[in-house]
């Protein structure tokens, strides 16, 4: 019965056009970047911590990551492990042994 009720609600929301995703703010739980406000990313800093929205890195020297978990395309949940990716003009220099990297100035 619960599945039918949830399905009916989803159908109603899509039919009325009211299916916009609610975006989360800093430190709120998330499943992927799409669940966070535009200037944030969905990340998990440690294996024991849940996914939360964090500010994207815009300063050289900040912790960053290019590793996404879980790997593969089937999961709707996608979070960066160890920190957000770097912002414009910066590149994440990964230290795979540590599980995260550091934002560095990008030189083309």
C-alpha atoms as a PDB file:
ATOM      1  CA  UNK A   1       0.000   0.000   0.000  1.00  0.00           C
ATOM      2  CA  UNK A   2       2.865   2.375   0.816  1.00  0.00           C
ATOM      3  CA  UNK A   3       4.438   1.868  -2.608  1.00  0.00           C
ATOM      4  CA  UNK A   4       1.151   2.733  -4.302  1.00  0.00           C
ATOM      5  CA  UNK A   5       0.807   5.923  -2.224  1.00  0.00           C
ATOM      6  CA  UNK A   6       4.365   7.040  -3.005  1.00  0.00           C
ATOM      7  CA  UNK A   7       3.888   6.289  -6.701  1.00  0.00           C
ATOM      8  CA  UNK A   8       0.650   8.282  -6.745  1.00  0.00           C
ATOM      9  CA  UNK A   9       2.345  11.281  -5.091  1.00  0.00           C
ATOM     10  CA  UNK A  10       5.207  11.184  -7.605  1.00  0.00           C
ATOM     11  CA  UNK A  11       2.747  11.040 -10.509  1.00  0.00           C
ATOM     12  CA  UNK A  12       0.785  14.000  -9.122  1.00  0.00           C
ATOM     13  CA  UNK A  13       3.923  16.089  -8.597  1.00  0.00           C
ATOM     14  CA  UNK A  14       5.166  15.404 -12.119  1.00  0.00           C
ATOM     15  CA  UNK A  15       1.749  16.060 -13.647  1.00  0.00           C
ATOM     16  CA  UNK A  16       1.493  19.457 -11.946  1.00  0.00           C
ATOM     17  CA  UNK A  17       5.092  20.409 -12.729  1.00  0.00           C
ATOM     18  CA  UNK A  18       5.914  20.715  -9.022  1.00  0.00           C
ATOM     19  CA  UNK A  19       8.847  18.306  -8.966  1.00  0.00           C
ATOM     20  CA  UNK A  20      11.712  20.757  -8.516  1.00  0.00           C
ATOM     21  CA  UNK A  21      14.537  19.417  -6.401  1.00  0.00           C
ATOM     22  CA  UNK A  22      14.960  21.065  -3.014  1.00  0.00           C
ATOM     23  CA  UNK A  23      18.596  22.086  -2.732  1.00  0.00           C
ATOM     24  CA  UNK A  24      20.434  21.846   0.574  1.00  0.00           C
ATOM     25  CA  UNK A  25      22.701  24.420   2.250  1.00  0.00           C
ATOM     26  CA  UNK A  26      26.121  23.977   3.933  1.00  0.00           C
ATOM     27  CA  UNK A  27      26.405  20.976   6.307  1.00  0.00           C
ATOM     28  CA  UNK A  28      23.011  19.578   5.297  1.00  0.00           C
ATOM     29  CA  UNK A  29      22.762  15.966   4.046  1.00  0.00           C
ATOM     30  CA  UNK A  30      22.863  15.256   0.295  1.00  0.00           C
ATOM     31  CA  UNK A  31      22.971  12.390  -2.203  1.00  0.00           C
ATOM     32  CA  UNK A  32      24.743  14.218  -5.062  1.00  0.00           C
ATOM     33  CA  UNK A  33      25.833  17.697  -6.215  1.00  0.00           C
ATOM     34  CA  UNK A  34      22.346  18.253  -7.638  1.00  0.00           C
ATOM     35  CA  UNK A  35      21.017  18.118  -4.068  1.00  0.00           C
ATOM     36  CA  UNK A  36      23.184  21.059  -2.937  1.00  0.00           C
ATOM     37  CA  UNK A  37      22.932  24.783  -3.646  1.00  0.00           C
ATOM     38  CA  UNK A  38      24.796  25.824  -6.799  1.00  0.00           C
ATOM     39  CA  UNK A  39      28.030  27.008  -5.088  1.00  0.00           C
ATOM     40  CA  UNK A  40      28.281  23.793  -3.036  1.00  0.00           C
ATOM     41  CA  UNK A  41      29.240  20.177  -3.698  1.00  0.00           C
ATOM     42  CA  UNK A  42      28.174  16.929  -2.056  1.00  0.00           C
ATOM     43  CA  UNK A  43      31.124  15.379  -0.241  1.00  0.00           C
ATOM     44  CA  UNK A  44      32.073  12.824   2.383  1.00  0.00           C
ATOM     45  CA  UNK A  45      35.247  13.748   4.248  1.00  0.00           C
ATOM     46  CA  UNK A  46      35.794  10.325   5.876  1.00  0.00           C
ATOM     47  CA  UNK A  47      34.421   6.833   5.436  1.00  0.00           C
ATOM     48  CA  UNK A  48      32.421   7.148   8.665  1.00  0.00           C
ATOM     49  CA  UNK A  49      30.853  10.529   7.910  1.00  0.00           C
ATOM     50  CA  UNK A  50      27.671  10.867   5.880  1.00  0.00           C
ATOM     51  CA  UNK A  51      27.398  12.963   2.713  1.00  0.00           C
ATOM     52  CA  UNK A  52      27.004  16.705   3.354  1.00  0.00           C
ATOM     53  CA  UNK A  53      26.979  19.861   1.241  1.00  0.00           C
ATOM     54  CA  UNK A  54      30.211  21.874   1.466  1.00  0.00           C
ATOM     55  CA  UNK A  55      31.543  25.031  -0.181  1.00  0.00           C
ATOM     56  CA  UNK A  56      33.450  24.404  -3.420  1.00  0.00           C
ATOM     57  CA  UNK A  57      37.166  25.115  -3.057  1.00  0.00           C
ATOM     58  CA  UNK A  58      38.202  28.477  -4.489  1.00  0.00           C
ATOM     59  CA  UNK A  59      41.578  29.026  -2.801  1.00  0.00           C
ATOM     60  CA  UNK A  60      44.961  27.472  -3.564  1.00  0.00           C
ATOM     61  CA  UNK A  61      46.083  25.191  -0.741  1.00  0.00           C
ATOM     62  CA  UNK A  62      42.596  23.983   0.218  1.00  0.00           C
ATOM     63  CA  UNK A  63      41.836  20.271   0.498  1.00  0.00           C
ATOM     64  CA  UNK A  64      40.125  18.829  -2.596  1.00  0.00           C
ATOM     65  CA  UNK A  65      39.214  15.582  -4.322  1.00  0.00           C
ATOM     66  CA  UNK A  66      38.417  14.178  -7.747  1.00  0.00           C
ATOM     67  CA  UNK A  67      37.340  10.784  -6.355  1.00  0.00           C
ATOM     68  CA  UNK A  68      33.594  10.125  -6.579  1.00  0.00           C
ATOM     69  CA  UNK A  69      31.817   7.424  -4.587  1.00  0.00           C
ATOM     70  CA  UNK A  70      30.200   5.096  -5.329  1.00  0.00           C
ATOM     71  CA  UNK A  71      31.880   4.358  -8.631  1.00  0.00           C
ATOM     72  CA  UNK A  72      29.755   3.394 -11.605  1.00  0.00           C
ATOM     73  CA  UNK A  73      26.743   4.934 -13.270  1.00  0.00           C
ATOM     74  CA  UNK A  74      23.931   2.952 -11.643  1.00  0.00           C
ATOM     75  CA  UNK A  75      23.834   4.720  -8.286  1.00  0.00           C
ATOM     76  CA  UNK A  76      21.899   7.976  -7.893  1.00  0.00           C
ATOM     77  CA  UNK A  77      24.078   8.820  -4.892  1.00  0.00           C
ATOM     78  CA  UNK A  78      27.366  10.467  -5.933  1.00  0.00           C
ATOM     79  CA  UNK A  79      29.615  12.257  -3.444  1.00  0.00           C
ATOM     80  CA  UNK A  80      33.231  13.371  -3.586  1.00  0.00           C
ATOM     81  CA  UNK A  81      35.456  11.572  -1.074  1.00  0.00           C
ATOM     82  CA  UNK A  82      37.866  13.803   0.865  1.00  0.00           C
ATOM     83  CA  UNK A  83      36.667  17.238  -0.287  1.00  0.00           C
ATOM     84  CA  UNK A  84      35.045  19.228  -3.089  1.00  0.00           C
ATOM     85  CA  UNK A  85      36.712  19.688  -6.475  1.00  0.00           C
ATOM     86  CA  UNK A  86      38.653  22.921  -7.054  1.00  0.00           C
ATOM     87  CA  UNK A  87      37.091  26.048  -8.527  1.00  0.00           C
ATOM     88  CA  UNK A  88      38.014  27.879 -11.729  1.00  0.00           C
ATOM     89  CA  UNK A  89      41.712  28.516 -12.268  1.00  0.00           C
ATOM     90  CA  UNK A  90      42.680  25.769  -9.816  1.00  0.00           C
ATOM     91  CA  UNK A  91      43.438  22.083 -10.276  1.00  0.00           C
ATOM     92  CA  UNK A  92      43.283  19.340  -7.663  1.00  0.00           C
ATOM     93  CA  UNK A  93      46.687  17.700  -7.222  1.00  0.00           C
ATOM     94  CA  UNK A  94      45.653  14.336  -5.775  1.00  0.00           C
ATOM     95  CA  UNK A  95      47.587  12.358  -3.180  1.00  0.00           C
ATOM     96  CA  UNK A  96      45.870   9.002  -3.688  1.00  0.00           C
ATOM     97  CA  UNK A  97      47.626   7.456  -0.669  1.00  0.00           C
ATOM     98  CA  UNK A  98      46.061  10.123   1.570  1.00  0.00           C
ATOM     99  CA  UNK A  99      42.697   9.934  -0.232  1.00  0.00           C
ATOM    100  CA  UNK A 100      42.509  13.646  -1.023  1.00  0.00           C
ATOM    101  CA  UNK A 101      44.477  16.386  -2.752  1.00  0.00           C
ATOM    102  CA  UNK A 102      45.336  20.080  -2.606  1.00  0.00           C
ATOM    103  CA  UNK A 103      44.095  22.860  -4.903  1.00  0.00           C
ATOM    104  CA  UNK A 104      46.937  24.349  -6.977  1.00  0.00           C
ATOM    105  CA  UNK A 105      47.029  27.198  -9.507  1.00  0.00           C
ATOM    106  CA  UNK A 106      46.365  25.861 -13.004  1.00  0.00           C
ATOM    107  CA  UNK A 107      48.964  26.759 -15.618  1.00  0.00           C
ATOM    108  CA  UNK A 108      47.929  25.800 -19.171  1.00  0.00           C
END
